[in-house]
Amino acid sequence: SVYIIFAYYNIKVMAQVKDKVEYIIALINEFAKRFKLTDVQAYRYITHYKGIDMIDEHYNVMHTLDFDEMVNSLAIYCNRQGGALIWFFFTITKKAMTDFEYMKEALATELVMLLIEKEGMDMKSALNCFYNSETYDKLSKPESGLFYQSERYVYALLHKEITTGTLA
């Protein structure tokens, strides 16, 4: 009975972590679009100016608010921490997410979760490992076709890269 309670608690905690990871990845991707950056550039900028820490700390409130407003708030927060990007508030024309962008974002969430579960990383370390990997670089290129593969297949590539230092 104690084991069942622990297993239930662990499943619930991992589901909460997954929700947070999914939200952070979506914010990074939208931030990148707004400022015409790559996802990796956006991740590094947000991390450098403590935006990931802010999202982690205030996720319980942020995820309940308007998503576009949270992207704006993230830009303002990073600017106040010394970042040079400034978001000017004006109406933007939103483009629908492409199939590639959707599949890449969904796969990114699953891969970060696998890093947390299988490699024992915390959320921030898993995000850092993922966004700075050759695997992510390859996943970000539609011509690679990697985004069509299962998360277990792509994770095997990422795991190999982590353990050997190379994707090839």
Protein backbone atom coordinates (compact mmCIF):
# COMPACT_ATOMS: atom_id res chain seq x y z
CA SER A 1 0.00 0.00 0.00
CA VAL A 2 2.91 2.37 0.72
CA TYR A 3 4.41 1.44 -2.66
CA ILE A 4 1.12 2.23 -4.43
CA ILE A 5 0.94 5.64 -2.76
CA PHE A 6 4.57 6.37 -3.71
CA ALA A 7 3.99 5.24 -7.32
CA TYR A 8 0.87 7.42 -7.58
CA TYR A 9 2.75 10.40 -6.13
CA ASN A 10 5.67 9.86 -8.55
CA ILE A 11 3.32 9.69 -11.56
CA LYS A 12 1.54 12.86 -10.45
CA VAL A 13 4.83 14.74 -9.92
CA MET A 14 6.17 13.66 -13.32
CA ALA A 15 2.95 14.80 -14.99
CA GLN A 16 3.37 18.23 -13.36
CA VAL A 17 6.99 18.40 -14.51
CA LYS A 18 5.92 17.46 -18.04
CA ASP A 19 3.30 20.23 -18.06
CA LYS A 20 5.96 22.73 -16.98
CA VAL A 21 8.49 21.50 -19.57
CA GLU A 22 5.86 21.69 -22.31
CA TYR A 23 4.98 25.26 -21.29
CA ILE A 24 8.63 26.36 -21.18
CA ILE A 25 9.36 24.89 -24.61
CA ALA A 26 6.28 26.60 -26.07
CA LEU A 27 7.37 29.94 -24.53
CA ILE A 28 10.89 29.55 -25.93
CA ASN A 29 9.53 28.77 -29.40
CA GLU A 30 7.12 31.71 -29.39
CA PHE A 31 9.82 34.03 -28.02
CA ALA A 32 12.08 32.92 -30.88
CA LYS A 33 9.39 33.74 -33.43
CA ARG A 34 8.69 37.17 -31.94
CA PHE A 35 12.33 38.22 -32.04
CA LYS A 36 13.26 36.33 -35.21
CA LEU A 37 15.73 34.10 -33.37
CA THR A 38 16.41 30.40 -33.61
CA ASP A 39 15.02 28.31 -30.77
CA VAL A 40 18.55 27.79 -29.46
CA GLN A 41 19.32 31.53 -29.52
CA ALA A 42 16.06 32.22 -27.69
CA TYR A 43 16.79 29.48 -25.12
CA ARG A 44 20.29 30.84 -24.45
CA TYR A 45 19.06 34.44 -24.17
CA ILE A 46 16.20 33.51 -21.82
CA THR A 47 18.51 31.34 -19.72
CA HIS A 48 21.27 33.95 -19.57
CA TYR A 49 18.87 36.59 -18.30
CA LYS A 50 17.30 34.23 -15.72
CA GLY A 51 14.00 33.84 -17.57
CA ILE A 52 13.91 30.07 -17.07
CA ASP A 53 14.32 30.61 -13.32
CA MET A 54 11.45 33.11 -13.37
CA ILE A 55 9.20 30.72 -15.30
CA ASP A 56 10.11 27.84 -12.99
CA GLU A 57 9.35 29.90 -9.91
CA HIS A 58 6.08 31.43 -11.16
CA TYR A 59 4.76 28.65 -13.40
CA ASN A 60 1.70 28.03 -11.21
CA VAL A 61 0.44 31.52 -12.02
CA MET A 62 1.94 32.05 -15.47
CA HIS A 63 0.34 29.03 -17.12
CA THR A 64 -3.13 30.27 -16.14
CA LEU A 65 -2.69 33.64 -17.86
CA ASP A 66 -2.81 34.72 -21.50
CA PHE A 67 0.08 33.05 -23.35
CA ASP A 68 0.92 36.07 -25.54
CA GLU A 69 1.02 38.26 -22.46
CA MET A 70 3.44 35.82 -20.80
CA VAL A 71 5.76 36.00 -23.82
CA ASN A 72 5.66 39.79 -23.47
CA SER A 73 6.30 39.52 -19.73
CA LEU A 74 9.24 37.20 -20.34
CA ALA A 75 10.75 39.73 -22.77
CA ILE A 76 10.30 42.54 -20.24
CA TYR A 77 11.77 40.44 -17.43
CA CYS A 78 14.85 39.54 -19.49
CA ASN A 79 15.25 43.19 -20.50
CA ARG A 80 15.17 44.24 -16.83
CA GLN A 81 17.87 41.65 -16.13
CA GLY A 82 20.13 43.33 -18.71
CA GLY A 83 18.91 41.81 -21.98
CA ALA A 84 19.00 43.99 -25.06
CA LEU A 85 15.82 42.75 -26.73
CA ILE A 86 12.86 45.04 -26.22
CA TRP A 87 9.32 44.03 -27.04
CA PHE A 88 7.24 46.85 -28.43
CA PHE A 89 3.57 46.32 -27.78
CA PHE A 90 1.69 46.32 -31.03
CA THR A 91 -0.71 44.02 -32.74
CA ILE A 92 1.04 41.15 -34.42
CA THR A 93 -0.25 38.95 -37.13
CA LYS A 94 -0.17 35.42 -35.81
CA LYS A 95 0.75 32.65 -38.17
CA ALA A 96 -0.60 29.21 -37.53
CA MET A 97 1.92 26.73 -36.24
CA THR A 98 3.17 24.50 -39.04
CA ASP A 99 3.01 20.72 -38.76
CA PHE A 100 6.81 20.71 -38.49
CA GLU A 101 6.78 23.23 -35.61
CA TYR A 102 4.07 21.30 -33.79
CA MET A 103 5.83 17.96 -34.18
CA LYS A 104 9.19 19.42 -33.16
CA GLU A 105 7.70 21.04 -30.05
CA ALA A 106 5.87 17.85 -29.01
CA LEU A 107 8.98 15.73 -29.58
CA ALA A 108 11.10 18.25 -27.64
CA THR A 109 8.84 17.88 -24.60
CA GLU A 110 9.06 14.09 -24.72
CA LEU A 111 12.85 14.13 -25.12
CA VAL A 112 13.37 16.50 -22.19
CA MET A 113 11.12 14.27 -20.08
CA LEU A 114 13.16 11.21 -21.07
CA LEU A 115 16.35 13.03 -20.02
CA ILE A 116 14.73 13.71 -16.65
CA GLU A 117 13.47 10.14 -16.22
CA LYS A 118 16.30 8.09 -17.75
CA GLU A 119 19.36 10.27 -17.13
CA GLY A 120 18.23 11.55 -13.72
CA MET A 121 18.60 15.19 -14.74
CA ASP A 122 16.65 18.02 -13.19
CA MET A 123 14.44 20.08 -15.51
CA LYS A 124 16.93 22.91 -16.12
CA SER A 125 19.81 20.53 -16.83
CA ALA A 126 17.65 18.50 -19.21
CA LEU A 127 16.59 21.64 -21.10
CA ASN A 128 20.21 22.77 -21.30
CA CYS A 129 21.44 19.38 -22.50
CA PHE A 130 18.70 19.15 -25.11
CA TYR A 131 18.93 22.67 -26.59
CA ASN A 132 22.73 22.47 -26.80
CA SER A 133 22.86 19.05 -28.47
CA GLU A 134 23.65 18.10 -32.06
CA THR A 135 20.48 16.03 -31.90
CA TYR A 136 18.37 19.17 -31.38
CA ASP A 137 20.24 20.92 -34.17
CA LYS A 138 19.39 18.04 -36.51
CA LEU A 139 15.79 17.87 -35.24
CA SER A 140 15.39 21.59 -36.05
CA LYS A 141 16.07 21.01 -39.74
CA PRO A 142 12.97 19.79 -41.57
CA GLU A 143 15.08 18.18 -44.29
CA SER A 144 16.57 15.76 -41.73
CA GLY A 145 13.17 14.10 -41.32
CA LEU A 146 14.10 13.38 -37.70
CA PHE A 147 10.90 14.96 -36.43
CA TYR A 148 8.95 12.10 -38.06
CA GLN A 149 10.71 9.53 -35.86
CA SER A 150 9.47 8.27 -32.50
CA GLU A 151 10.69 9.89 -29.32
CA ARG A 152 12.43 6.63 -28.33
CA TYR A 153 14.38 6.56 -31.60
CA VAL A 154 15.46 10.19 -31.27
CA TYR A 155 16.22 9.67 -27.58
CA ALA A 156 18.54 6.80 -28.53
CA LEU A 157 20.46 9.25 -30.73
CA LEU A 158 20.52 11.85 -27.96
CA HIS A 159 21.65 9.26 -25.39
CA LYS A 160 24.44 8.14 -27.72
CA GLU A 161 25.50 11.77 -28.14
CA ILE A 162 25.53 12.28 -24.36
CA THR A 163 27.54 9.12 -23.66
CA THR A 164 29.98 9.31 -26.59
CA GLY A 165 30.09 13.05 -27.23
CA THR A 166 29.07 12.68 -30.86
CA LEU A 167 25.91 12.02 -32.82
CA ALA A 168 27.55 10.12 -35.68
